[in-house]
Amino acid sequence: MKRYRVFLSGDVQGVGMRMSVYRLAKQLQLTGWVCNEPDGRVSLEVQGEARSLLRFWEALPVCARWAQIDHMDRWEIPVQNEETAFLVRG
């Protein structure tokens, strides 16, 4: 089990990115959250088993049809064992 904090930059707001990330995470049985940032980025935390996370990273760049991810910052953070769902915030 691993958890990551991620910031996506590019054309990622107003193009369905949050809902696409939500659907992808739910499909892969991952937990965490996704939200829009005031600076135009999308941020998220995602948690799950290594195989599901690998599929998530592979699908993320194309999960939102109209989005264009120019840059992704990602780092591992502590797992939150009590978390049971993936949420869309703000």
N, C-alpha and C. Protein backbone atom coordinates (compact mmCIF):
# COMPACT_ATOMS: atom_id res chain seq x y z
N MET A 1 0.86 -1.18 0.00
CA MET A 1 0.00 0.00 0.00
C MET A 1 0.90 1.24 0.00
N LYS A 2 0.59 2.17 -0.90
CA LYS A 2 1.32 3.43 -0.99
C LYS A 2 0.35 4.58 -1.20
N ARG A 3 0.83 5.78 -0.88
CA ARG A 3 0.03 6.99 -1.06
C ARG A 3 0.93 8.06 -1.68
N TYR A 4 0.35 8.83 -2.61
CA TYR A 4 1.10 9.88 -3.29
C TYR A 4 0.33 11.19 -3.26
N ARG A 5 1.09 12.27 -3.20
CA ARG A 5 0.57 13.64 -3.36
C ARG A 5 1.01 14.07 -4.74
N VAL A 6 0.09 14.67 -5.51
CA VAL A 6 0.34 14.98 -6.91
C VAL A 6 -0.20 16.37 -7.24
N PHE A 7 0.56 17.11 -8.04
CA PHE A 7 0.10 18.37 -8.63
C PHE A 7 0.21 18.24 -10.14
N LEU A 8 -0.89 18.52 -10.83
CA LEU A 8 -0.93 18.49 -12.29
C LEU A 8 -1.01 19.91 -12.82
N SER A 9 -0.14 20.24 -13.76
CA SER A 9 -0.12 21.57 -14.38
C SER A 9 -0.43 21.43 -15.86
N GLY A 10 -0.96 22.50 -16.44
CA GLY A 10 -1.30 22.52 -17.86
C GLY A 10 -2.74 22.97 -18.01
N ASP A 11 -3.40 22.47 -19.03
CA ASP A 11 -4.82 22.77 -19.24
C ASP A 11 -5.61 21.69 -18.51
N VAL A 12 -5.75 21.88 -17.19
CA VAL A 12 -6.33 20.82 -16.34
C VAL A 12 -7.57 21.27 -15.56
N GLN A 13 -7.95 22.52 -15.67
CA GLN A 13 -9.18 22.97 -15.00
C GLN A 13 -10.22 23.36 -16.04
N GLY A 14 -11.47 23.05 -15.72
CA GLY A 14 -12.57 23.36 -16.63
C GLY A 14 -12.67 22.41 -17.82
N VAL A 15 -12.00 21.26 -17.72
CA VAL A 15 -11.99 20.30 -18.82
C VAL A 15 -12.38 18.89 -18.37
N GLY A 16 -12.96 18.78 -17.19
CA GLY A 16 -13.41 17.49 -16.68
C GLY A 16 -12.34 16.65 -16.00
N MET A 17 -11.24 17.27 -15.65
CA MET A 17 -10.12 16.52 -15.06
C MET A 17 -10.50 15.89 -13.72
N ARG A 18 -11.12 16.66 -12.83
CA ARG A 18 -11.44 16.12 -11.51
C ARG A 18 -12.36 14.91 -11.60
N MET A 19 -13.41 14.99 -12.41
CA MET A 19 -14.34 13.87 -12.52
C MET A 19 -13.69 12.68 -13.22
N SER A 20 -12.80 12.94 -14.16
CA SER A 20 -12.11 11.85 -14.84
C SER A 20 -11.17 11.13 -13.88
N VAL A 21 -10.45 11.90 -13.06
CA VAL A 21 -9.57 11.29 -12.05
C VAL A 21 -10.40 10.50 -11.05
N TYR A 22 -11.53 11.06 -10.64
CA TYR A 22 -12.43 10.38 -9.71
C TYR A 22 -12.88 9.03 -10.28
N ARG A 23 -13.37 9.02 -11.52
CA ARG A 23 -13.85 7.78 -12.14
C ARG A 23 -12.72 6.75 -12.27
N LEU A 24 -11.54 7.21 -12.66
CA LEU A 24 -10.40 6.31 -12.80
C LEU A 24 -10.02 5.69 -11.45
N ALA A 25 -9.95 6.52 -10.42
CA ALA A 25 -9.59 6.04 -9.09
C ALA A 25 -10.63 5.05 -8.57
N LYS A 26 -11.91 5.35 -8.76
CA LYS A 26 -12.97 4.44 -8.32
C LYS A 26 -12.88 3.10 -9.06
N GLN A 27 -12.64 3.16 -10.36
CA GLN A 27 -12.53 1.96 -11.17
C GLN A 27 -11.39 1.06 -10.67
N LEU A 28 -10.30 1.69 -10.24
CA LEU A 28 -9.13 0.94 -9.78
C LEU A 28 -9.14 0.67 -8.27
N GLN A 29 -10.23 1.04 -7.61
CA GLN A 29 -10.42 0.84 -6.17
C GLN A 29 -9.33 1.53 -5.35
N LEU A 30 -9.02 2.77 -5.73
CA LEU A 30 -8.06 3.60 -5.01
C LEU A 30 -8.82 4.56 -4.10
N THR A 31 -8.17 5.04 -3.08
CA THR A 31 -8.77 6.04 -2.20
C THR A 31 -7.98 7.33 -2.30
N GLY A 32 -8.57 8.41 -1.77
CA GLY A 32 -7.91 9.71 -1.77
C GLY A 32 -8.87 10.81 -2.13
N TRP A 33 -8.36 11.82 -2.83
CA TRP A 33 -9.19 12.96 -3.22
C TRP A 33 -8.52 13.72 -4.36
N VAL A 34 -9.31 14.58 -5.02
CA VAL A 34 -8.82 15.44 -6.10
C VAL A 34 -9.51 16.79 -5.97
N CYS A 35 -8.79 17.88 -6.27
CA CYS A 35 -9.39 19.22 -6.20
C CYS A 35 -8.67 20.19 -7.12
N ASN A 36 -9.36 21.28 -7.46
CA ASN A 36 -8.76 22.38 -8.20
C ASN A 36 -8.03 23.30 -7.24
N GLU A 37 -6.88 23.81 -7.67
CA GLU A 37 -6.12 24.78 -6.89
C GLU A 37 -6.34 26.18 -7.45
N PRO A 38 -6.23 27.21 -6.61
CA PRO A 38 -6.43 28.59 -7.07
C PRO A 38 -5.43 29.01 -8.17
N ASP A 39 -4.28 28.37 -8.23
CA ASP A 39 -3.27 28.76 -9.22
C ASP A 39 -3.45 28.06 -10.57
N GLY A 40 -4.54 27.31 -10.76
CA GLY A 40 -4.82 26.67 -12.03
C GLY A 40 -4.40 25.21 -12.11
N ARG A 41 -3.72 24.72 -11.11
CA ARG A 41 -3.33 23.31 -11.09
C ARG A 41 -4.46 22.47 -10.51
N VAL A 42 -4.35 21.17 -10.70
CA VAL A 42 -5.21 20.19 -10.03
C VAL A 42 -4.31 19.42 -9.08
N SER A 43 -4.75 19.27 -7.84
CA SER A 43 -3.99 18.49 -6.87
C SER A 43 -4.79 17.26 -6.48
N LEU A 44 -4.07 16.22 -6.06
CA LEU A 44 -4.73 15.03 -5.62
C LEU A 44 -3.82 14.24 -4.69
N GLU A 45 -4.46 13.41 -3.90
CA GLU A 45 -3.77 12.38 -3.15
C GLU A 45 -4.43 11.08 -3.53
N VAL A 46 -3.62 10.08 -3.79
CA VAL A 46 -4.13 8.78 -4.24
C VAL A 46 -3.40 7.68 -3.49
N GLN A 47 -4.16 6.66 -3.11
CA GLN A 47 -3.63 5.59 -2.28
C GLN A 47 -4.16 4.25 -2.73
N GLY A 48 -3.29 3.25 -2.72
CA GLY A 48 -3.73 1.91 -3.06
C GLY A 48 -2.58 0.95 -3.24
N GLU A 49 -2.90 -0.21 -3.77
CA GLU A 49 -1.91 -1.24 -4.02
C GLU A 49 -1.07 -0.88 -5.25
N ALA A 50 0.16 -1.37 -5.28
CA ALA A 50 1.12 -1.01 -6.32
C ALA A 50 0.59 -1.25 -7.73
N ARG A 51 -0.04 -2.39 -7.97
CA ARG A 51 -0.54 -2.71 -9.31
C ARG A 51 -1.61 -1.71 -9.76
N SER A 52 -2.53 -1.36 -8.87
CA SER A 52 -3.58 -0.39 -9.21
C SER A 52 -2.99 1.00 -9.42
N LEU A 53 -2.01 1.36 -8.61
CA LEU A 53 -1.37 2.67 -8.79
C LEU A 53 -0.62 2.74 -10.12
N LEU A 54 0.02 1.67 -10.53
CA LEU A 54 0.71 1.65 -11.81
C LEU A 54 -0.28 1.87 -12.95
N ARG A 55 -1.42 1.22 -12.89
CA ARG A 55 -2.46 1.42 -13.91
C ARG A 55 -2.99 2.86 -13.88
N PHE A 56 -3.10 3.43 -12.68
CA PHE A 56 -3.53 4.82 -12.53
C PHE A 56 -2.56 5.76 -13.23
N TRP A 57 -1.24 5.59 -12.98
CA TRP A 57 -0.23 6.48 -13.59
C TRP A 57 -0.23 6.34 -15.11
N GLU A 58 -0.46 5.14 -15.59
CA GLU A 58 -0.49 4.92 -17.04
C GLU A 58 -1.69 5.59 -17.69
N ALA A 59 -2.84 5.56 -17.03
CA ALA A 59 -4.08 6.10 -17.60
C ALA A 59 -4.27 7.59 -17.35
N LEU A 60 -3.63 8.12 -16.32
CA LEU A 60 -3.85 9.51 -15.93
C LEU A 60 -3.66 10.52 -17.06
N PRO A 61 -2.60 10.43 -17.86
CA PRO A 61 -2.39 11.46 -18.89
C PRO A 61 -3.50 11.56 -19.94
N VAL A 62 -4.28 10.51 -20.09
CA VAL A 62 -5.33 10.52 -21.11
C VAL A 62 -6.73 10.31 -20.54
N CYS A 63 -6.88 10.34 -19.23
CA CYS A 63 -8.19 10.04 -18.64
C CYS A 63 -9.21 11.13 -18.90
N ALA A 64 -8.79 12.37 -19.04
CA ALA A 64 -9.72 13.47 -19.33
C ALA A 64 -9.52 13.90 -20.78
N ARG A 65 -10.52 13.70 -21.57
CA ARG A 65 -10.44 13.92 -23.02
C ARG A 65 -9.91 15.28 -23.42
N TRP A 66 -10.32 16.34 -22.74
CA TRP A 66 -9.97 17.70 -23.15
C TRP A 66 -8.80 18.27 -22.35
N ALA A 67 -8.30 17.54 -21.39
CA ALA A 67 -7.19 18.04 -20.57
C ALA A 67 -5.85 17.83 -21.27
N GLN A 68 -4.89 18.67 -20.90
CA GLN A 68 -3.52 18.53 -21.37
C GLN A 68 -2.60 18.71 -20.17
N ILE A 69 -2.03 17.61 -19.68
CA ILE A 69 -1.10 17.67 -18.56
C ILE A 69 0.28 18.00 -19.10
N ASP A 70 0.80 19.16 -18.72
CA ASP A 70 2.13 19.56 -19.15
C ASP A 70 3.21 19.12 -18.16
N HIS A 71 2.83 19.05 -16.89
CA HIS A 71 3.82 18.69 -15.87
C HIS A 71 3.11 18.03 -14.69
N MET A 72 3.76 17.02 -14.12
CA MET A 72 3.22 16.35 -12.95
C MET A 72 4.31 16.27 -11.89
N ASP A 73 4.03 16.85 -10.72
CA ASP A 73 4.89 16.70 -9.54
C ASP A 73 4.25 15.63 -8.67
N ARG A 74 5.05 14.63 -8.27
CA ARG A 74 4.51 13.51 -7.50
C ARG A 74 5.54 13.06 -6.47
N TRP A 75 5.07 12.85 -5.25
CA TRP A 75 5.95 12.30 -4.22
C TRP A 75 5.14 11.43 -3.27
N GLU A 76 5.84 10.44 -2.70
CA GLU A 76 5.20 9.52 -1.78
C GLU A 76 5.02 10.17 -0.42
N ILE A 77 3.86 9.91 0.19
CA ILE A 77 3.53 10.44 1.51
C ILE A 77 2.99 9.29 2.37
N PRO A 78 2.84 9.50 3.68
CA PRO A 78 2.35 8.41 4.54
C PRO A 78 0.94 7.94 4.17
N VAL A 79 0.74 6.64 4.26
CA VAL A 79 -0.56 6.01 4.02
C VAL A 79 -1.54 6.44 5.10
N GLN A 80 -2.81 6.62 4.72
CA GLN A 80 -3.88 6.91 5.67
C GLN A 80 -4.78 5.67 5.73
N ASN A 81 -4.53 4.82 6.69
CA ASN A 81 -5.23 3.54 6.79
C ASN A 81 -6.74 3.67 6.99
N GLU A 82 -7.18 4.76 7.57
CA GLU A 82 -8.61 4.93 7.86
C GLU A 82 -9.42 5.37 6.65
N GLU A 83 -8.78 5.74 5.57
CA GLU A 83 -9.47 6.24 4.40
C GLU A 83 -10.15 5.10 3.64
N THR A 84 -11.40 5.33 3.20
CA THR A 84 -12.16 4.26 2.55
C THR A 84 -12.76 4.66 1.19
N ALA A 85 -12.57 5.90 0.74
CA ALA A 85 -13.20 6.35 -0.49
C ALA A 85 -12.31 7.32 -1.24
N PHE A 86 -12.69 7.62 -2.48
CA PHE A 86 -12.03 8.67 -3.26
C PHE A 86 -13.05 9.78 -3.45
N LEU A 87 -12.66 11.03 -3.16
CA LEU A 87 -13.59 12.16 -3.16
C LEU A 87 -13.14 13.25 -4.13
N VAL A 88 -14.12 14.00 -4.63
CA VAL A 88 -13.86 15.23 -5.38
C VAL A 88 -14.08 16.38 -4.41
N ARG A 89 -13.06 17.21 -4.26
CA ARG A 89 -13.16 18.38 -3.38
C ARG A 89 -13.19 19.65 -4.23
N GLY A 90 -13.87 20.68 -3.67
CA GLY A 90 -13.90 22.02 -4.27
C GLY A 90 -13.77 21.99 -5.71
